[in-house]
N, C-alpha and C. Protein backbone atom coordinates (compact mmCIF):
# COMPACT_ATOMS: atom_id res chain seq x y z
N MET A 1 107.70 77.33 109.89
CA MET A 1 106.70 77.65 110.88
C MET A 1 107.11 78.95 111.56
N ARG A 2 106.16 79.86 111.70
CA ARG A 2 106.47 81.18 112.24
C ARG A 2 106.04 81.36 113.68
N ILE A 3 105.44 80.32 114.26
CA ILE A 3 105.03 80.39 115.66
C ILE A 3 106.18 79.93 116.54
N LYS A 4 106.40 80.67 117.64
CA LYS A 4 107.51 80.36 118.54
C LYS A 4 106.99 80.05 119.94
N VAL A 5 107.85 79.45 120.76
CA VAL A 5 107.52 79.16 122.15
C VAL A 5 107.30 80.49 122.88
N GLY A 6 106.23 80.56 123.65
CA GLY A 6 105.93 81.78 124.39
C GLY A 6 104.89 82.67 123.72
N ASP A 7 104.57 82.43 122.45
CA ASP A 7 103.54 83.20 121.76
C ASP A 7 102.17 82.87 122.34
N THR A 8 101.29 83.85 122.37
CA THR A 8 99.90 83.62 122.76
C THR A 8 99.11 83.37 121.49
N VAL A 9 98.42 82.23 121.43
CA VAL A 9 97.70 81.85 120.23
C VAL A 9 96.24 81.54 120.56
N LYS A 10 95.40 81.58 119.53
CA LYS A 10 93.99 81.23 119.65
C LYS A 10 93.73 80.06 118.73
N VAL A 11 93.00 79.07 119.21
CA VAL A 11 92.66 77.90 118.40
C VAL A 11 91.52 78.28 117.47
N ILE A 12 91.70 78.06 116.15
CA ILE A 12 90.69 78.47 115.17
C ILE A 12 89.95 77.29 114.57
N ALA A 13 90.33 76.06 114.91
CA ALA A 13 89.65 74.87 114.38
C ALA A 13 89.80 73.73 115.36
N GLY A 14 88.83 72.82 115.35
CA GLY A 14 88.91 71.63 116.19
C GLY A 14 88.00 71.71 117.40
N ASP A 15 88.15 70.75 118.30
CA ASP A 15 87.29 70.65 119.48
C ASP A 15 87.44 71.83 120.43
N ASP A 16 88.64 72.40 120.52
CA ASP A 16 88.90 73.51 121.44
C ASP A 16 88.85 74.86 120.74
N LYS A 17 88.07 74.97 119.68
CA LYS A 17 87.97 76.22 118.91
C LYS A 17 87.57 77.38 119.82
N GLY A 18 88.31 78.48 119.72
CA GLY A 18 88.04 79.66 120.53
C GLY A 18 88.90 79.77 121.77
N ALA A 19 89.57 78.68 122.15
CA ALA A 19 90.42 78.70 123.35
C ALA A 19 91.72 79.46 123.07
N THR A 20 92.21 80.15 124.07
CA THR A 20 93.45 80.92 123.95
C THR A 20 94.45 80.39 124.97
N GLY A 21 95.72 80.33 124.58
CA GLY A 21 96.76 79.86 125.49
C GLY A 21 98.15 80.18 124.98
N LYS A 22 99.12 79.88 125.81
CA LYS A 22 100.52 80.15 125.47
C LYS A 22 101.15 78.88 124.89
N VAL A 23 102.01 79.05 123.88
CA VAL A 23 102.67 77.91 123.26
C VAL A 23 103.77 77.41 124.20
N ILE A 24 103.68 76.12 124.57
CA ILE A 24 104.65 75.50 125.47
C ILE A 24 105.80 74.88 124.68
N ARG A 25 105.45 74.22 123.57
CA ARG A 25 106.45 73.48 122.80
C ARG A 25 106.10 73.54 121.32
N VAL A 26 107.12 73.58 120.47
CA VAL A 26 106.94 73.57 119.01
C VAL A 26 107.67 72.36 118.47
N ILE A 27 106.95 71.52 117.69
CA ILE A 27 107.52 70.34 117.07
C ILE A 27 107.59 70.62 115.57
N ARG A 28 108.72 71.13 115.11
CA ARG A 28 108.86 71.62 113.73
C ARG A 28 108.75 70.53 112.68
N ASP A 29 109.36 69.35 112.92
CA ASP A 29 109.35 68.31 111.89
C ASP A 29 107.97 67.72 111.66
N LYS A 30 107.06 67.86 112.63
CA LYS A 30 105.69 67.36 112.47
C LYS A 30 104.67 68.49 112.30
N ASN A 31 105.14 69.74 112.30
CA ASN A 31 104.29 70.93 112.13
C ASN A 31 103.19 70.98 113.20
N ARG A 32 103.58 70.75 114.45
CA ARG A 32 102.63 70.73 115.56
C ARG A 32 103.10 71.63 116.69
N VAL A 33 102.15 72.09 117.48
CA VAL A 33 102.45 72.91 118.66
C VAL A 33 101.67 72.37 119.85
N VAL A 34 102.22 72.58 121.05
CA VAL A 34 101.54 72.22 122.28
C VAL A 34 101.16 73.54 122.95
N VAL A 35 99.85 73.72 123.18
CA VAL A 35 99.33 74.96 123.75
C VAL A 35 98.82 74.68 125.16
N GLU A 36 99.15 75.58 126.07
CA GLU A 36 98.79 75.44 127.48
C GLU A 36 97.27 75.43 127.66
N GLY A 37 96.73 74.35 128.26
CA GLY A 37 95.31 74.25 128.55
C GLY A 37 94.43 73.83 127.38
N VAL A 38 95.03 73.46 126.26
CA VAL A 38 94.27 73.09 125.06
C VAL A 38 94.57 71.65 124.68
N ASN A 39 93.55 70.92 124.20
CA ASN A 39 93.68 69.53 123.75
C ASN A 39 94.20 68.64 124.88
N LYS A 40 93.52 68.71 126.02
CA LYS A 40 93.91 67.92 127.19
C LYS A 40 93.55 66.45 126.97
N ILE A 41 94.45 65.55 127.36
CA ILE A 41 94.22 64.11 127.28
C ILE A 41 94.47 63.50 128.64
N GLN A 42 93.95 62.30 128.84
CA GLN A 42 94.19 61.56 130.08
C GLN A 42 95.21 60.47 129.80
N LYS A 43 96.36 60.54 130.47
CA LYS A 43 97.39 59.53 130.34
C LYS A 43 97.32 58.65 131.58
N HIS A 44 97.22 57.35 131.37
CA HIS A 44 97.14 56.41 132.49
C HIS A 44 98.55 56.05 132.93
N VAL A 45 98.83 56.24 134.23
CA VAL A 45 100.16 56.04 134.77
C VAL A 45 100.15 54.84 135.71
N LYS A 46 101.07 53.91 135.47
CA LYS A 46 101.20 52.72 136.31
C LYS A 46 101.90 53.10 137.62
N ARG A 47 101.66 52.35 138.67
CA ARG A 47 102.34 52.61 139.94
C ARG A 47 103.84 52.44 139.78
N SER A 48 104.59 53.34 140.39
CA SER A 48 106.05 53.26 140.37
C SER A 48 106.57 54.06 141.56
N GLN A 49 107.90 54.10 141.70
CA GLN A 49 108.45 54.89 142.80
C GLN A 49 108.21 56.38 142.55
N LYS A 50 108.21 56.76 141.30
CA LYS A 50 107.99 58.16 140.95
C LYS A 50 106.55 58.58 141.26
N SER A 51 105.59 57.71 140.93
CA SER A 51 104.18 57.98 141.25
C SER A 51 103.61 56.75 141.96
N PRO A 52 103.75 56.69 143.28
CA PRO A 52 103.33 55.50 144.03
C PRO A 52 101.83 55.22 143.96
N GLN A 53 101.02 56.24 143.76
CA GLN A 53 99.58 56.05 143.67
C GLN A 53 99.16 55.56 142.28
N GLY A 54 99.85 56.02 141.24
CA GLY A 54 99.42 55.70 139.88
C GLY A 54 98.20 56.52 139.54
N GLY A 55 97.44 56.12 138.55
CA GLY A 55 96.19 56.80 138.22
C GLY A 55 96.23 57.47 136.87
N ARG A 56 95.41 58.51 136.73
CA ARG A 56 95.28 59.22 135.46
C ARG A 56 95.92 60.59 135.57
N LEU A 57 96.72 60.93 134.58
CA LEU A 57 97.43 62.20 134.53
C LEU A 57 96.86 63.01 133.37
N SER A 58 96.48 64.24 133.60
CA SER A 58 95.95 65.10 132.56
C SER A 58 97.09 65.93 131.98
N LYS A 59 97.24 65.90 130.65
CA LYS A 59 98.31 66.68 130.02
C LYS A 59 97.86 67.15 128.65
N GLU A 60 98.59 68.13 128.10
CA GLU A 60 98.27 68.68 126.80
C GLU A 60 98.90 67.84 125.70
N ALA A 61 98.15 67.63 124.62
CA ALA A 61 98.65 66.90 123.46
C ALA A 61 98.90 67.92 122.34
N PRO A 62 99.80 67.59 121.41
CA PRO A 62 100.08 68.52 120.30
C PRO A 62 98.89 68.66 119.35
N ILE A 63 98.76 69.85 118.76
CA ILE A 63 97.77 70.08 117.72
C ILE A 63 98.49 70.65 116.50
N ASN A 64 97.87 70.56 115.35
CA ASN A 64 98.49 71.05 114.13
C ASN A 64 98.64 72.57 114.18
N ALA A 65 99.76 73.06 113.70
CA ALA A 65 100.05 74.49 113.75
C ALA A 65 99.09 75.30 112.88
N SER A 66 98.49 74.66 111.88
CA SER A 66 97.55 75.37 111.02
C SER A 66 96.24 75.66 111.74
N ASN A 67 96.00 75.02 112.89
CA ASN A 67 94.76 75.23 113.64
C ASN A 67 94.88 76.31 114.70
N VAL A 68 96.01 77.01 114.75
CA VAL A 68 96.17 78.11 115.70
C VAL A 68 96.56 79.38 114.96
N MET A 69 96.23 80.51 115.59
CA MET A 69 96.54 81.82 115.00
C MET A 69 97.05 82.73 116.11
N LEU A 70 98.06 83.49 115.82
CA LEU A 70 98.69 84.37 116.80
C LEU A 70 97.73 85.47 117.24
N VAL A 71 97.73 85.77 118.55
CA VAL A 71 96.96 86.88 119.08
C VAL A 71 97.91 88.07 119.18
N GLY A 72 97.57 89.16 118.49
CA GLY A 72 98.42 90.34 118.44
C GLY A 72 98.32 91.18 119.70
N ALA A 73 99.01 92.31 119.70
CA ALA A 73 99.05 93.19 120.86
C ALA A 73 97.69 93.80 121.16
N ASN A 74 96.85 93.99 120.12
CA ASN A 74 95.54 94.59 120.32
C ASN A 74 94.47 93.57 120.73
N GLY A 75 94.85 92.29 120.86
CA GLY A 75 93.93 91.25 121.28
C GLY A 75 93.22 90.54 120.15
N GLU A 76 93.46 90.94 118.91
CA GLU A 76 92.86 90.30 117.75
C GLU A 76 93.82 89.30 117.14
N THR A 77 93.27 88.28 116.46
CA THR A 77 94.14 87.31 115.79
C THR A 77 94.74 87.94 114.54
N THR A 78 95.94 87.50 114.22
CA THR A 78 96.64 88.04 113.06
C THR A 78 97.52 86.98 112.43
N ARG A 79 97.73 87.12 111.15
CA ARG A 79 98.70 86.27 110.48
C ARG A 79 100.09 86.83 110.73
N ILE A 80 101.10 86.01 110.49
CA ILE A 80 102.48 86.42 110.76
C ILE A 80 103.24 86.48 109.45
N GLY A 81 104.00 87.55 109.27
CA GLY A 81 104.83 87.69 108.08
C GLY A 81 106.28 87.84 108.49
N VAL A 82 107.16 87.73 107.51
CA VAL A 82 108.59 87.93 107.73
C VAL A 82 109.06 89.00 106.76
N ARG A 83 109.83 89.97 107.27
CA ARG A 83 110.35 91.02 106.40
C ARG A 83 111.79 91.32 106.78
N LYS A 84 112.50 91.93 105.85
CA LYS A 84 113.89 92.32 106.12
C LYS A 84 113.91 93.68 106.80
N THR A 85 114.83 93.83 107.72
CA THR A 85 115.00 95.11 108.39
C THR A 85 115.97 95.96 107.59
N SER A 86 116.11 97.20 107.98
CA SER A 86 116.97 98.12 107.25
C SER A 86 118.45 97.72 107.31
N ASP A 87 118.85 97.03 108.39
CA ASP A 87 120.24 96.62 108.53
C ASP A 87 120.52 95.25 107.90
N GLY A 88 119.51 94.61 107.30
CA GLY A 88 119.72 93.33 106.62
C GLY A 88 119.28 92.11 107.39
N GLY A 89 118.75 92.27 108.58
CA GLY A 89 118.26 91.14 109.37
C GLY A 89 116.82 90.79 108.99
N LYS A 90 116.27 89.78 109.65
CA LYS A 90 114.88 89.38 109.41
C LYS A 90 114.10 89.51 110.70
N GLU A 91 112.83 89.94 110.58
CA GLU A 91 111.96 90.04 111.74
C GLU A 91 110.57 89.53 111.41
N ARG A 92 109.87 89.03 112.45
CA ARG A 92 108.46 88.65 112.30
C ARG A 92 107.62 89.89 112.52
N PHE A 93 106.48 89.97 111.81
CA PHE A 93 105.59 91.10 112.03
C PHE A 93 104.14 90.66 111.89
N ALA A 94 103.25 91.39 112.54
CA ALA A 94 101.82 91.13 112.47
C ALA A 94 101.29 91.71 111.17
N ARG A 95 100.60 90.89 110.40
CA ARG A 95 100.12 91.33 109.08
C ARG A 95 99.00 92.36 109.18
N ASN A 96 98.16 92.30 110.23
CA ASN A 96 97.03 93.23 110.26
C ASN A 96 97.42 94.62 110.74
N GLY A 97 98.48 94.76 111.50
CA GLY A 97 98.86 96.08 112.00
C GLY A 97 100.27 96.49 111.63
N GLY A 98 101.09 95.53 111.23
CA GLY A 98 102.46 95.83 110.88
C GLY A 98 103.41 95.91 112.06
N ALA A 99 102.94 95.59 113.26
CA ALA A 99 103.78 95.68 114.45
C ALA A 99 104.85 94.58 114.43
N SER A 100 106.03 94.92 114.88
CA SER A 100 107.13 93.97 114.94
C SER A 100 106.91 92.97 116.07
N LEU A 101 107.22 91.69 115.80
CA LEU A 101 107.07 90.62 116.80
C LEU A 101 108.42 90.09 117.24
N GLY A 102 109.49 90.72 116.83
CA GLY A 102 110.81 90.29 117.27
C GLY A 102 111.70 89.88 116.11
N LEU A 103 112.98 89.90 116.37
CA LEU A 103 114.00 89.57 115.37
C LEU A 103 114.14 88.07 115.23
N ILE A 104 114.22 87.57 113.99
CA ILE A 104 114.44 86.14 113.74
C ILE A 104 115.93 85.89 113.53
N ALA A 105 116.52 86.66 112.62
CA ALA A 105 117.93 86.46 112.29
C ALA A 105 118.62 87.82 112.27
N PRO A 106 119.79 87.91 112.90
CA PRO A 106 120.52 89.19 112.85
C PRO A 106 121.11 89.41 111.45
N ALA A 107 121.54 90.62 111.20
CA ALA A 107 122.11 90.96 109.90
C ALA A 107 123.44 90.24 109.70
N LYS A 108 123.67 89.78 108.48
CA LYS A 108 124.95 89.17 108.15
C LYS A 108 125.98 90.25 107.93
N LYS A 109 127.23 89.92 108.13
CA LYS A 109 128.29 90.93 108.02
C LYS A 109 128.38 91.50 106.61
N LYS A 110 128.25 90.66 105.59
CA LYS A 110 128.34 91.13 104.20
C LYS A 110 127.17 92.06 103.87
N ALA A 111 125.98 91.73 104.32
CA ALA A 111 124.80 92.57 104.04
C ALA A 111 124.91 93.92 104.74
N ALA A 112 125.51 93.94 105.91
CA ALA A 112 125.63 95.18 106.67
C ALA A 112 126.63 96.13 106.03
N GLN A 113 127.63 95.60 105.32
CA GLN A 113 128.65 96.44 104.70
C GLN A 113 128.14 97.13 103.44
N LYS A 114 127.17 96.54 102.73
CA LYS A 114 126.68 97.12 101.47
C LYS A 114 125.90 98.36 101.65
C-alpha cells in the first residue's frame, strides 16, 4: 500500500464519493484506511465513569484503500508510483506530474558504494 498517514486523499467510490480528507490511520493487513470526516458511523456508548451520560458517538470507520486516490500538489487526483533515486534509495512520486512525495527507504550502504 502506497498511502501513508497524513496524505490528503479523495474518495472515488462508495457512499462518500467526492469527499476529500486527511488519512488518520492505515490498516495494512486489511488494506483499509481511515479518512477524516469520511464514512462516519454512530457508535452507541453505555454509561460509565468515562462517559457518564452515555449516548451515541460519531466516529470514522475504515474504508478500502482502493476506494481512495491521492490528491497531488496541483489539487488533482493522481496515482502513486515508486522509483529509485540516484543514490539508491526509494521514493514515492505522483504519476501524473512526476513530483516527489517523499522518501520511503534510504539508500543501502552497498548500493551507495557502487
